[in-house]
Amino acid sequence: MQRLPKKERLHGETIIHQLFDKSKRFTVYPLRIHYIPRPTQEKSRIVISIPKRFFKHAVDRNLLKRRIREAYRLNKPTLSVDMAIVYISSEIATFDTLQECIKRTVVQLNNRHKVEE
């Protein structure tokens, strides 16, 4: 099993608070993406959030996190951003659905980044 390296995971309370407070966002259902472009050419970092109010059982939240993480790992963006992925549906999505959402997310991030430059 391949993993997402620690350098590509977003951690630290202050950074995550900044991400949710000052970020730009868009929705690719069933995901809401919060992102901040990074000035350096380092790898993108992500944090994944599955709200407990939608999925009471940790097993379901962990399943979705694993699926999103794997879909992200297979379709990483080329540009450097800090990103939070929030799952907003109350139903468990299939891996194929999540992979398609991540692909569309990467395309939107690339398009938005070109407009901002």
PDB file of N, CA and C in Angstrom:
ATOM      1  N   MET A   1       0.846  -1.195   0.000  1.00  0.00           N
ATOM      2  CA  MET A   1       0.000   0.000   0.000  1.00  0.00           C
ATOM      3  C   MET A   1       0.881   1.243   0.000  1.00  0.00           C
ATOM      4  N   GLN A   2       0.597   2.147  -0.885  1.00  0.00           N
ATOM      5  CA  GLN A   2       1.355   3.383  -0.934  1.00  0.00           C
ATOM      6  C   GLN A   2       0.730   4.393  -0.002  1.00  0.00           C
ATOM      7  N   ARG A   3       1.539   5.307   0.452  1.00  0.00           N
ATOM      8  CA  ARG A   3       1.067   6.285   1.423  1.00  0.00           C
ATOM      9  C   ARG A   3       1.287   7.705   0.900  1.00  0.00           C
ATOM     10  N   LEU A   4       0.618   8.632   1.542  1.00  0.00           N
ATOM     11  CA  LEU A   4       0.825  10.048   1.269  1.00  0.00           C
ATOM     12  C   LEU A   4       1.913  10.522   2.235  1.00  0.00           C
ATOM     13  N   PRO A   5       3.066  10.970   1.742  1.00  0.00           N
ATOM     14  CA  PRO A   5       4.165  11.356   2.639  1.00  0.00           C
ATOM     15  C   PRO A   5       3.784  12.510   3.564  1.00  0.00           C
ATOM     16  N   LYS A   6       4.458  12.595   4.699  1.00  0.00           N
ATOM     17  CA  LYS A   6       4.154  13.634   5.682  1.00  0.00           C
ATOM     18  C   LYS A   6       4.364  15.035   5.097  1.00  0.00           C
ATOM     19  N   LYS A   7       5.304  15.190   4.180  1.00  0.00           N
ATOM     20  CA  LYS A   7       5.540  16.497   3.564  1.00  0.00           C
ATOM     21  C   LYS A   7       4.348  16.968   2.749  1.00  0.00           C
ATOM     22  N   GLU A   8       3.473  16.037   2.367  1.00  0.00           N
ATOM     23  CA  GLU A   8       2.299  16.395   1.575  1.00  0.00           C
ATOM     24  C   GLU A   8       1.032  16.464   2.418  1.00  0.00           C
ATOM     25  N   ARG A   9       1.162  16.271   3.733  1.00  0.00           N
ATOM     26  CA  ARG A   9       0.014  16.396   4.629  1.00  0.00           C
ATOM     27  C   ARG A   9       0.119  17.711   5.378  1.00  0.00           C
ATOM     28  N   LEU A  10      -0.981  18.401   5.480  1.00  0.00           N
ATOM     29  CA  LEU A  10      -1.021  19.687   6.165  1.00  0.00           C
ATOM     30  C   LEU A  10      -1.282  19.429   7.637  1.00  0.00           C
ATOM     31  N   HIS A  11      -0.423  19.952   8.490  1.00  0.00           N
ATOM     32  CA  HIS A  11      -0.609  19.771   9.924  1.00  0.00           C
ATOM     33  C   HIS A  11      -0.206  21.052  10.635  1.00  0.00           C
ATOM     34  N   GLY A  12      -0.715  21.254  11.793  1.00  0.00           N
ATOM     35  CA  GLY A  12      -0.456  22.467  12.553  1.00  0.00           C
ATOM     36  C   GLY A  12      -1.723  23.295  12.657  1.00  0.00           C
ATOM     37  N   GLU A  13      -2.101  23.576  13.882  1.00  0.00           N
ATOM     38  CA  GLU A  13      -3.377  24.249  14.135  1.00  0.00           C
ATOM     39  C   GLU A  13      -3.451  25.626  13.491  1.00  0.00           C
ATOM     40  N   THR A  14      -2.386  26.417  13.578  1.00  0.00           N
ATOM     41  CA  THR A  14      -2.440  27.777  13.038  1.00  0.00           C
ATOM     42  C   THR A  14      -2.563  27.771  11.513  1.00  0.00           C
ATOM     43  N   ILE A  15      -1.849  26.884  10.852  1.00  0.00           N
ATOM     44  CA  ILE A  15      -1.918  26.818   9.390  1.00  0.00           C
ATOM     45  C   ILE A  15      -3.315  26.398   8.936  1.00  0.00           C
ATOM     46  N   ILE A  16      -3.891  25.432   9.631  1.00  0.00           N
ATOM     47  CA  ILE A  16      -5.226  24.960   9.257  1.00  0.00           C
ATOM     48  C   ILE A  16      -6.270  26.042   9.515  1.00  0.00           C
ATOM     49  N   HIS A  17      -6.143  26.788  10.635  1.00  0.00           N
ATOM     50  CA  HIS A  17      -7.073  27.894  10.889  1.00  0.00           C
ATOM     51  C   HIS A  17      -6.958  28.972   9.812  1.00  0.00           C
ATOM     52  N   GLN A  18      -5.739  29.302   9.398  1.00  0.00           N
ATOM     53  CA  GLN A  18      -5.544  30.277   8.322  1.00  0.00           C
ATOM     54  C   GLN A  18      -6.180  29.780   7.032  1.00  0.00           C
ATOM     55  N   LEU A  19      -6.024  28.497   6.774  1.00  0.00           N
ATOM     56  CA  LEU A  19      -6.575  27.922   5.557  1.00  0.00           C
ATOM     57  C   LEU A  19      -8.090  28.091   5.503  1.00  0.00           C
ATOM     58  N   PHE A  20      -8.779  27.835   6.603  1.00  0.00           N
ATOM     59  CA  PHE A  20     -10.233  27.956   6.602  1.00  0.00           C
ATOM     60  C   PHE A  20     -10.691  29.411   6.699  1.00  0.00           C
ATOM     61  N   ASP A  21      -9.894  30.288   7.312  1.00  0.00           N
ATOM     62  CA  ASP A  21     -10.297  31.695   7.470  1.00  0.00           C
ATOM     63  C   ASP A  21     -10.034  32.531   6.223  1.00  0.00           C
ATOM     64  N   LYS A  22      -8.886  32.344   5.582  1.00  0.00           N
ATOM     65  CA  LYS A  22      -8.461  33.249   4.511  1.00  0.00           C
ATOM     66  C   LYS A  22      -8.412  32.595   3.139  1.00  0.00           C
ATOM     67  N   SER A  23      -8.994  31.435   3.004  1.00  0.00           N
ATOM     68  CA  SER A  23      -8.850  30.693   1.754  1.00  0.00           C
ATOM     69  C   SER A  23      -9.889  31.094   0.716  1.00  0.00           C
ATOM     70  N   LYS A  24      -9.585  30.717  -0.501  1.00  0.00           N
ATOM     71  CA  LYS A  24     -10.562  30.768  -1.579  1.00  0.00           C
ATOM     72  C   LYS A  24     -11.182  29.382  -1.608  1.00  0.00           C
ATOM     73  N   ARG A  25     -12.425  29.288  -2.091  1.00  0.00           N
ATOM     74  CA  ARG A  25     -13.075  27.976  -2.067  1.00  0.00           C
ATOM     75  C   ARG A  25     -13.995  27.794  -3.251  1.00  0.00           C
ATOM     76  N   PHE A  26     -14.219  26.542  -3.561  1.00  0.00           N
ATOM     77  CA  PHE A  26     -15.179  26.158  -4.585  1.00  0.00           C
ATOM     78  C   PHE A  26     -15.663  24.752  -4.262  1.00  0.00           C
ATOM     79  N   THR A  27     -16.750  24.351  -4.913  1.00  0.00           N
ATOM     80  CA  THR A  27     -17.355  23.062  -4.632  1.00  0.00           C
ATOM     81  C   THR A  27     -17.374  22.208  -5.893  1.00  0.00           C
ATOM     82  N   VAL A  28     -16.942  20.978  -5.743  1.00  0.00           N
ATOM     83  CA  VAL A  28     -17.084  19.947  -6.758  1.00  0.00           C
ATOM     84  C   VAL A  28     -17.793  18.818  -6.018  1.00  0.00           C
ATOM     85  N   TYR A  29     -19.116  18.794  -6.135  1.00  0.00           N
ATOM     86  CA  TYR A  29     -19.914  17.915  -5.294  1.00  0.00           C
ATOM     87  C   TYR A  29     -19.472  16.467  -5.428  1.00  0.00           C
ATOM     88  N   PRO A  30     -19.263  15.770  -4.343  1.00  0.00           N
ATOM     89  CA  PRO A  30     -19.561  16.011  -2.931  1.00  0.00           C
ATOM     90  C   PRO A  30     -18.401  16.580  -2.128  1.00  0.00           C
ATOM     91  N   LEU A  31     -17.486  17.310  -2.745  1.00  0.00           N
ATOM     92  CA  LEU A  31     -16.344  17.875  -2.037  1.00  0.00           C
ATOM     93  C   LEU A  31     -16.375  19.396  -2.080  1.00  0.00           C
ATOM     94  N   ARG A  32     -15.981  20.028  -0.971  1.00  0.00           N
ATOM     95  CA  ARG A  32     -15.755  21.470  -0.956  1.00  0.00           C
ATOM     96  C   ARG A  32     -14.251  21.650  -0.761  1.00  0.00           C
ATOM     97  N   ILE A  33     -13.658  22.456  -1.602  1.00  0.00           N
ATOM     98  CA  ILE A  33     -12.214  22.654  -1.606  1.00  0.00           C
ATOM     99  C   ILE A  33     -11.902  24.057  -1.103  1.00  0.00           C
ATOM    100  N   HIS A  34     -11.074  24.154  -0.059  1.00  0.00           N
ATOM    101  CA  HIS A  34     -10.536  25.415   0.433  1.00  0.00           C
ATOM    102  C   HIS A  34      -9.053  25.395   0.074  1.00  0.00           C
ATOM    103  N   TYR A  35      -8.547  26.486  -0.513  1.00  0.00           N
ATOM    104  CA  TYR A  35      -7.141  26.450  -0.914  1.00  0.00           C
ATOM    105  C   TYR A  35      -6.496  27.822  -0.798  1.00  0.00           C
ATOM    106  N   ILE A  36      -5.191  27.792  -0.580  1.00  0.00           N
ATOM    107  CA  ILE A  36      -4.347  28.987  -0.580  1.00  0.00           C
ATOM    108  C   ILE A  36      -3.124  28.647  -1.430  1.00  0.00           C
ATOM    109  N   PRO A  37      -2.854  29.407  -2.495  1.00  0.00           N
ATOM    110  CA  PRO A  37      -1.638  29.149  -3.282  1.00  0.00           C
ATOM    111  C   PRO A  37      -0.390  29.405  -2.447  1.00  0.00           C
ATOM    112  N   ARG A  38       0.633  28.593  -2.645  1.00  0.00           N
ATOM    113  CA  ARG A  38       1.903  28.760  -1.935  1.00  0.00           C
ATOM    114  C   ARG A  38       2.905  29.405  -2.885  1.00  0.00           C
ATOM    115  N   PRO A  39       3.691  30.354  -2.390  1.00  0.00           N
ATOM    116  CA  PRO A  39       4.636  31.049  -3.270  1.00  0.00           C
ATOM    117  C   PRO A  39       5.820  30.183  -3.691  1.00  0.00           C
ATOM    118  N   THR A  40       6.169  29.188  -2.904  1.00  0.00           N
ATOM    119  CA  THR A  40       7.321  28.350  -3.242  1.00  0.00           C
ATOM    120  C   THR A  40       6.892  27.220  -4.169  1.00  0.00           C
ATOM    121  N   GLN A  41       7.858  26.537  -4.712  1.00  0.00           N
ATOM    122  CA  GLN A  41       7.567  25.421  -5.612  1.00  0.00           C
ATOM    123  C   GLN A  41       7.619  24.077  -4.880  1.00  0.00           C
ATOM    124  N   GLU A  42       7.270  24.083  -3.596  1.00  0.00           N
ATOM    125  CA  GLU A  42       7.226  22.843  -2.834  1.00  0.00           C
ATOM    126  C   GLU A  42       5.987  22.053  -3.233  1.00  0.00           C
ATOM    127  N   LYS A  43       5.871  20.841  -2.726  1.00  0.00           N
ATOM    128  CA  LYS A  43       4.712  20.007  -3.035  1.00  0.00           C
ATOM    129  C   LYS A  43       3.469  20.545  -2.354  1.00  0.00           C
ATOM    130  N   SER A  44       2.328  20.279  -2.951  1.00  0.00           N
ATOM    131  CA  SER A  44       1.053  20.665  -2.359  1.00  0.00           C
ATOM    132  C   SER A  44       0.825  19.890  -1.076  1.00  0.00           C
ATOM    133  N   ARG A  45       0.115  20.524  -0.133  1.00  0.00           N
ATOM    134  CA  ARG A  45      -0.216  19.861   1.123  1.00  0.00           C
ATOM    135  C   ARG A  45      -1.727  19.856   1.287  1.00  0.00           C
ATOM    136  N   ILE A  46      -2.260  18.772   1.863  1.00  0.00           N
ATOM    137  CA  ILE A  46      -3.708  18.675   2.031  1.00  0.00           C
ATOM    138  C   ILE A  46      -4.069  18.239   3.439  1.00  0.00           C
ATOM    139  N   VAL A  47      -5.312  18.564   3.803  1.00  0.00           N
ATOM    140  CA  VAL A  47      -5.957  18.033   4.997  1.00  0.00           C
ATOM    141  C   VAL A  47      -7.365  17.627   4.554  1.00  0.00           C
ATOM    142  N   ILE A  48      -7.842  16.496   5.072  1.00  0.00           N
ATOM    143  CA  ILE A  48      -9.154  15.980   4.678  1.00  0.00           C
ATOM    144  C   ILE A  48     -10.057  15.982   5.895  1.00  0.00           C
ATOM    145  N   SER A  49     -11.278  16.489   5.711  1.00  0.00           N
ATOM    146  CA  SER A  49     -12.237  16.570   6.813  1.00  0.00           C
ATOM    147  C   SER A  49     -13.554  15.910   6.405  1.00  0.00           C
ATOM    148  N   ILE A  50     -14.017  14.996   7.257  1.00  0.00           N
ATOM    149  CA  ILE A  50     -15.313  14.345   7.063  1.00  0.00           C
ATOM    150  C   ILE A  50     -16.137  14.668   8.313  1.00  0.00           C
ATOM    151  N   PRO A  51     -17.184  15.495   8.214  1.00  0.00           N
ATOM    152  CA  PRO A  51     -17.929  15.910   9.400  1.00  0.00           C
ATOM    153  C   PRO A  51     -18.614  14.752  10.123  1.00  0.00           C
ATOM    154  N   LYS A  52     -18.512  14.797  11.441  1.00  0.00           N
ATOM    155  CA  LYS A  52     -19.117  13.760  12.270  1.00  0.00           C
ATOM    156  C   LYS A  52     -20.639  13.819  12.245  1.00  0.00           C
ATOM    157  N   ARG A  53     -21.189  14.990  11.935  1.00  0.00           N
ATOM    158  CA  ARG A  53     -22.652  15.094  11.921  1.00  0.00           C
ATOM    159  C   ARG A  53     -23.274  14.290  10.779  1.00  0.00           C
ATOM    160  N   PHE A  54     -22.519  14.051   9.699  1.00  0.00           N
ATOM    161  CA  PHE A  54     -23.026  13.254   8.589  1.00  0.00           C
ATOM    162  C   PHE A  54     -22.772  11.761   8.791  1.00  0.00           C
ATOM    163  N   PHE A  55     -21.633  11.425   9.393  1.00  0.00           N
ATOM    164  CA  PHE A  55     -21.239  10.024   9.568  1.00  0.00           C
ATOM    165  C   PHE A  55     -20.869   9.801  11.025  1.00  0.00           C
ATOM    166  N   LYS A  56     -21.778   9.203  11.778  1.00  0.00           N
ATOM    167  CA  LYS A  56     -21.583   9.006  13.212  1.00  0.00           C
ATOM    168  C   LYS A  56     -20.511   7.961  13.502  1.00  0.00           C
ATOM    169  N   HIS A  57     -20.336   7.002  12.610  1.00  0.00           N
ATOM    170  CA  HIS A  57     -19.384   5.916  12.838  1.00  0.00           C
ATOM    171  C   HIS A  57     -18.020   6.265  12.255  1.00  0.00           C
ATOM    172  N   ALA A  58     -16.984   6.091  13.067  1.00  0.00           N
ATOM    173  CA  ALA A  58     -15.622   6.392  12.635  1.00  0.00           C
ATOM    174  C   ALA A  58     -15.213   5.526  11.448  1.00  0.00           C
ATOM    175  N   VAL A  59     -15.757   4.326  11.364  1.00  0.00           N
ATOM    176  CA  VAL A  59     -15.437   3.425  10.249  1.00  0.00           C
ATOM    177  C   VAL A  59     -15.810   4.072   8.915  1.00  0.00           C
ATOM    178  N   ASP A  60     -16.966   4.714   8.863  1.00  0.00           N
ATOM    179  CA  ASP A  60     -17.413   5.363   7.629  1.00  0.00           C
ATOM    180  C   ASP A  60     -16.540   6.576   7.300  1.00  0.00           C
ATOM    181  N   ARG A  61     -16.203   7.373   8.317  1.00  0.00           N
ATOM    182  CA  ARG A  61     -15.344   8.544   8.085  1.00  0.00           C
ATOM    183  C   ARG A  61     -13.967   8.107   7.599  1.00  0.00           C
ATOM    184  N   ASN A  62     -13.417   7.061   8.203  1.00  0.00           N
ATOM    185  CA  ASN A  62     -12.094   6.575   7.795  1.00  0.00           C
ATOM    186  C   ASN A  62     -12.109   6.005   6.380  1.00  0.00           C
ATOM    187  N   LEU A  63     -13.188   5.323   6.013  1.00  0.00           N
ATOM    188  CA  LEU A  63     -13.320   4.791   4.656  1.00  0.00           C
ATOM    189  C   LEU A  63     -13.269   5.929   3.635  1.00  0.00           C
ATOM    190  N   LEU A  64     -14.036   6.985   3.889  1.00  0.00           N
ATOM    191  CA  LEU A  64     -14.049   8.120   2.965  1.00  0.00           C
ATOM    192  C   LEU A  64     -12.693   8.815   2.915  1.00  0.00           C
ATOM    193  N   LYS A  65     -12.042   8.973   4.051  1.00  0.00           N
ATOM    194  CA  LYS A  65     -10.711   9.593   4.066  1.00  0.00           C
ATOM    195  C   LYS A  65      -9.718   8.778   3.243  1.00  0.00           C
ATOM    196  N   ARG A  66      -9.745   7.461   3.400  1.00  0.00           N
ATOM    197  CA  ARG A  66      -8.842   6.609   2.623  1.00  0.00           C
ATOM    198  C   ARG A  66      -9.108   6.729   1.128  1.00  0.00           C
ATOM    199  N   ARG A  67     -10.379   6.741   0.756  1.00  0.00           N
ATOM    200  CA  ARG A  67     -10.729   6.861  -0.664  1.00  0.00           C
ATOM    201  C   ARG A  67     -10.291   8.209  -1.231  1.00  0.00           C
ATOM    202  N   ILE A  68     -10.532   9.290  -0.491  1.00  0.00           N
ATOM    203  CA  ILE A  68     -10.145  10.626  -0.965  1.00  0.00           C
ATOM    204  C   ILE A  68      -8.628  10.730  -1.050  1.00  0.00           C
ATOM    205  N   ARG A  69      -7.938  10.235  -0.039  1.00  0.00           N
ATOM    206  CA  ARG A  69      -6.473  10.295  -0.023  1.00  0.00           C
ATOM    207  C   ARG A  69      -5.882   9.544  -1.212  1.00  0.00           C
ATOM    208  N   GLU A  70      -6.410   8.376  -1.514  1.00  0.00           N
ATOM    209  CA  GLU A  70      -5.896   7.592  -2.643  1.00  0.00           C
ATOM    210  C   GLU A  70      -6.216   8.270  -3.973  1.00  0.00           C
ATOM    211  N   ALA A  71      -7.414   8.818  -4.107  1.00  0.00           N
ATOM    212  CA  ALA A  71      -7.773   9.530  -5.339  1.00  0.00           C
ATOM    213  C   ALA A  71      -6.862  10.746  -5.520  1.00  0.00           C
ATOM    214  N   TYR A  72      -6.562  11.441  -4.431  1.00  0.00           N
ATOM    215  CA  TYR A  72      -5.655  12.595  -4.495  1.00  0.00           C
ATOM    216  C   TYR A  72      -4.245  12.140  -4.888  1.00  0.00           C
ATOM    217  N   ARG A  73      -3.769  11.052  -4.284  1.00  0.00           N
ATOM    218  CA  ARG A  73      -2.424  10.562  -4.555  1.00  0.00           C
ATOM    219  C   ARG A  73      -2.242  10.205  -6.032  1.00  0.00           C
ATOM    220  N   LEU A  74      -3.291   9.677  -6.640  1.00  0.00           N
ATOM    221  CA  LEU A  74      -3.223   9.290  -8.047  1.00  0.00           C
ATOM    222  C   LEU A  74      -3.362  10.477  -8.999  1.00  0.00           C
ATOM    223  N   ASN A  75      -3.910  11.595  -8.528  1.00  0.00           N
ATOM    224  CA  ASN A  75      -4.181  12.750  -9.397  1.00  0.00           C
ATOM    225  C   ASN A  75      -3.688  14.047  -8.769  1.00  0.00           C
ATOM    226  N   LYS A  76      -2.461  14.083  -8.298  1.00  0.00           N
ATOM    227  CA  LYS A  76      -1.935  15.259  -7.602  1.00  0.00           C
ATOM    228  C   LYS A  76      -1.863  16.465  -8.523  1.00  0.00           C
ATOM    229  N   PRO A  77      -2.142  17.670  -7.972  1.00  0.00           N
ATOM    230  CA  PRO A  77      -1.968  18.877  -8.784  1.00  0.00           C
ATOM    231  C   PRO A  77      -0.484  19.179  -8.981  1.00  0.00           C
ATOM    232  N   THR A  78      -0.155  19.824 -10.080  1.00  0.00           N
ATOM    233  CA  THR A  78       1.239  20.153 -10.354  1.00  0.00           C
ATOM    234  C   THR A  78       1.660  21.442  -9.670  1.00  0.00           C
ATOM    235  N   LEU A  79       0.710  22.311  -9.360  1.00  0.00           N
ATOM    236  CA  LEU A  79       1.060  23.566  -8.712  1.00  0.00           C
ATOM    237  C   LEU A  79       1.095  23.403  -7.205  1.00  0.00           C
ATOM    238  N   SER A  80       1.635  24.401  -6.540  1.00  0.00           N
ATOM    239  CA  SER A  80       1.855  24.323  -5.100  1.00  0.00           C
ATOM    240  C   SER A  80       0.756  25.073  -4.350  1.00  0.00           C
ATOM    241  N   VAL A  81      -0.093  24.321  -3.632  1.00  0.00           N
ATOM    242  CA  VAL A  81      -1.184  24.912  -2.851  1.00  0.00           C
ATOM    243  C   VAL A  81      -1.317  24.181  -1.524  1.00  0.00           C
ATOM    244  N   ASP A  82      -1.830  24.898  -0.522  1.00  0.00           N
ATOM    245  CA  ASP A  82      -2.310  24.265   0.698  1.00  0.00           C
ATOM    246  C   ASP A  82      -3.806  24.095   0.492  1.00  0.00           C
ATOM    247  N   MET A  83      -4.319  22.889   0.758  1.00  0.00           N
ATOM    248  CA  MET A  83      -5.700  22.602   0.395  1.00  0.00           C
ATOM    249  C   MET A  83      -6.387  21.795   1.487  1.00  0.00           C
ATOM    250  N   ALA A  84      -7.641  22.164   1.759  1.00  0.00           N
ATOM    251  CA  ALA A  84      -8.497  21.379   2.647  1.00  0.00           C
ATOM    252  C   ALA A  84      -9.624  20.812   1.804  1.00  0.00           C
ATOM    253  N   ILE A  85      -9.847  19.524   1.955  1.00  0.00           N
ATOM    254  CA  ILE A  85     -10.926  18.848   1.241  1.00  0.00           C
ATOM    255  C   ILE A  85     -11.972  18.468   2.281  1.00  0.00           C
ATOM    256  N   VAL A  86     -13.173  19.033   2.146  1.00  0.00           N
ATOM    257  CA  VAL A  86     -14.254  18.766   3.093  1.00  0.00           C
ATOM    258  C   VAL A  86     -15.343  18.008   2.352  1.00  0.00           C
ATOM    259  N   TYR A  87     -15.739  16.888   2.908  1.00  0.00           N
ATOM    260  CA  TYR A  87     -16.791  16.060   2.309  1.00  0.00           C
ATOM    261  C   TYR A  87     -18.134  16.617   2.768  1.00  0.00           C
ATOM    262  N   ILE A  88     -19.046  16.952   1.849  1.00  0.00           N
ATOM    263  CA  ILE A  88     -20.285  17.643   2.228  1.00  0.00           C
ATOM    264  C   ILE A  88     -21.550  16.843   1.969  1.00  0.00           C
ATOM    265  N   SER A  89     -21.433  15.616   1.522  1.00  0.00           N
ATOM    266  CA  SER A  89     -22.616  14.798   1.271  1.00  0.00           C
ATOM    267  C   SER A  89     -22.902  13.918   2.491  1.00  0.00           C
ATOM    268  N   SER A  90     -24.127  13.437   2.601  1.00  0.00           N
ATOM    269  CA  SER A  90     -24.466  12.554   3.713  1.00  0.00           C
ATOM    270  C   SER A  90     -24.479  11.089   3.289  1.00  0.00           C
ATOM    271  N   GLU A  91     -24.068  10.806   2.054  1.00  0.00           N
ATOM    272  CA  GLU A  91     -23.994   9.434   1.558  1.00  0.00           C
ATOM    273  C   GLU A  91     -22.552   9.094   1.196  1.00  0.00           C
ATOM    274  N   ILE A  92     -22.192   7.840   1.363  1.00  0.00           N
ATOM    275  CA  ILE A  92     -20.834   7.396   1.066  1.00  0.00           C
ATOM    276  C   ILE A  92     -20.661   7.259  -0.445  1.00  0.00           C
ATOM    277  N   ALA A  93     -19.691   7.981  -0.993  1.00  0.00           N
ATOM    278  CA  ALA A  93     -19.431   7.965  -2.434  1.00  0.00           C
ATOM    279  C   ALA A  93     -18.466   6.828  -2.780  1.00  0.00           C
ATOM    280  N   THR A  94     -18.557   6.359  -3.993  1.00  0.00           N
ATOM    281  CA  THR A  94     -17.635   5.320  -4.459  1.00  0.00           C
ATOM    282  C   THR A  94     -16.275   5.943  -4.775  1.00  0.00           C
ATOM    283  N   PHE A  95     -15.270   5.084  -4.875  1.00  0.00           N
ATOM    284  CA  PHE A  95     -13.935   5.552  -5.201  1.00  0.00           C
ATOM    285  C   PHE A  95     -13.904   6.214  -6.572  1.00  0.00           C
ATOM    286  N   ASP A  96     -14.603   5.640  -7.546  1.00  0.00           N
ATOM    287  CA  ASP A  96     -14.617   6.209  -8.894  1.00  0.00           C
ATOM    288  C   ASP A  96     -15.210   7.617  -8.901  1.00  0.00           C
ATOM    289  N   THR A  97     -16.267   7.830  -8.127  1.00  0.00           N
ATOM    290  CA  THR A  97     -16.878   9.157  -8.028  1.00  0.00           C
ATOM    291  C   THR A  97     -15.897  10.152  -7.430  1.00  0.00           C
ATOM    292  N   LEU A  98     -15.233   9.750  -6.359  1.00  0.00           N
ATOM    293  CA  LEU A  98     -14.279  10.645  -5.702  1.00  0.00           C
ATOM    294  C   LEU A  98     -13.079  10.931  -6.593  1.00  0.00           C
ATOM    295  N   GLN A  99     -12.632   9.937  -7.335  1.00  0.00           N
ATOM    296  CA  GLN A  99     -11.500  10.154  -8.235  1.00  0.00           C
ATOM    297  C   GLN A  99     -11.865  11.156  -9.327  1.00  0.00           C
ATOM    298  N   GLU A 100     -13.062  11.056  -9.854  1.00  0.00           N
ATOM    299  CA  GLU A 100     -13.515  12.016 -10.868  1.00  0.00           C
ATOM    300  C   GLU A 100     -13.600  13.424 -10.268  1.00  0.00           C
ATOM    301  N   CYS A 101     -14.068  13.539  -9.045  1.00  0.00           N
ATOM    302  CA  CYS A 101     -14.142  14.847  -8.374  1.00  0.00           C
ATOM    303  C   CYS A 101     -12.751  15.440  -8.178  1.00  0.00           C
ATOM    304  N   ILE A 102     -11.795  14.625  -7.787  1.00  0.00           N
ATOM    305  CA  ILE A 102     -10.425  15.108  -7.585  1.00  0.00           C
ATOM    306  C   ILE A 102      -9.826  15.555  -8.917  1.00  0.00           C
ATOM    307  N   LYS A 103     -10.090  14.825  -9.988  1.00  0.00           N
ATOM    308  CA  LYS A 103      -9.604  15.236 -11.315  1.00  0.00           C
ATOM    309  C   LYS A 103     -10.172  16.598 -11.700  1.00  0.00           C
ATOM    310  N   ARG A 104     -11.480  16.787 -11.486  1.00  0.00           N
ATOM    311  CA  ARG A 104     -12.099  18.086 -11.792  1.00  0.00           C
ATOM    312  C   ARG A 104     -11.543  19.183 -10.886  1.00  0.00           C
ATOM    313  N   THR A 105     -11.236  18.830  -9.643  1.00  0.00           N
ATOM    314  CA  THR A 105     -10.651  19.797  -8.709  1.00  0.00           C
ATOM    315  C   THR A 105      -9.295  20.270  -9.204  1.00  0.00           C
ATOM    316  N   VAL A 106      -8.465  19.345  -9.648  1.00  0.00           N
ATOM    317  CA  VAL A 106      -7.127  19.698 -10.151  1.00  0.00           C
ATOM    318  C   VAL A 106      -7.245  20.607 -11.369  1.00  0.00           C
ATOM    319  N   VAL A 107      -8.186  20.310 -12.261  1.00  0.00           N
ATOM    320  CA  VAL A 107      -8.397  21.157 -13.444  1.00  0.00           C
ATOM    321  C   VAL A 107      -8.823  22.554 -13.020  1.00  0.00           C
ATOM    322  N   GLN A 108      -9.764  22.654 -12.080  1.00  0.00           N
ATOM    323  CA  GLN A 108     -10.213  23.966 -11.619  1.00  0.00           C
ATOM    324  C   GLN A 108      -9.094  24.730 -10.932  1.00  0.00           C
ATOM    325  N   LEU A 109      -8.282  24.046 -10.122  1.00  0.00           N
ATOM    326  CA  LEU A 109      -7.155  24.719  -9.472  1.00  0.00           C
ATOM    327  C   LEU A 109      -6.175  25.264 -10.499  1.00  0.00           C
ATOM    328  N   ASN A 110      -5.884  24.474 -11.521  1.00  0.00           N
ATOM    329  CA  ASN A 110      -4.972  24.932 -12.573  1.00  0.00           C
ATOM    330  C   ASN A 110      -5.551  26.133 -13.317  1.00  0.00           C
ATOM    331  N   ASN A 111      -6.848  26.110 -13.618  1.00  0.00           N
ATOM    332  CA  ASN A 111      -7.486  27.230 -14.311  1.00  0.00           C
ATOM    333  C   ASN A 111      -7.485  28.480 -13.444  1.00  0.00           C
ATOM    334  N   ARG A 112      -7.803  28.334 -12.175  1.00  0.00           N
ATOM    335  CA  ARG A 112      -7.829  29.498 -11.274  1.00  0.00           C
ATOM    336  C   ARG A 112      -6.431  30.064 -11.071  1.00  0.00           C
ATOM    337  N   HIS A 113      -5.446  29.185 -11.016  1.00  0.00           N
ATOM    338  CA  HIS A 113      -4.065  29.642 -10.807  1.00  0.00           C
ATOM    339  C   HIS A 113      -3.591  30.443 -12.019  1.00  0.00           C
ATOM    340  N   LYS A 114      -3.963  30.046 -13.230  1.00  0.00           N
ATOM    341  CA  LYS A 114      -3.579  30.778 -14.447  1.00  0.00           C
ATOM    342  C   LYS A 114      -4.213  32.162 -14.460  1.00  0.00           C
ATOM    343  N   VAL A 115      -5.460  32.267 -13.973  1.00  0.00           N
ATOM    344  CA  VAL A 115      -6.155  33.554 -13.954  1.00  0.00           C
ATOM    345  C   VAL A 115      -5.501  34.491 -12.951  1.00  0.00           C
ATOM    346  N   GLU A 116      -5.061  33.970 -11.802  1.00  0.00           N
ATOM    347  CA  GLU A 116      -4.472  34.791 -10.743  1.00  0.00           C
ATOM    348  C   GLU A 116      -3.089  35.312 -11.114  1.00  0.00           C
ATOM    349  N   GLU A 117      -2.354  34.621 -11.994  1.00  0.00           N
ATOM    350  CA  GLU A 117      -0.985  35.055 -12.338  1.00  0.00           C
ATOM    351  C   GLU A 117      -0.952  36.256 -13.208  1.00  0.00           C
TER     352      GLU A 117
END
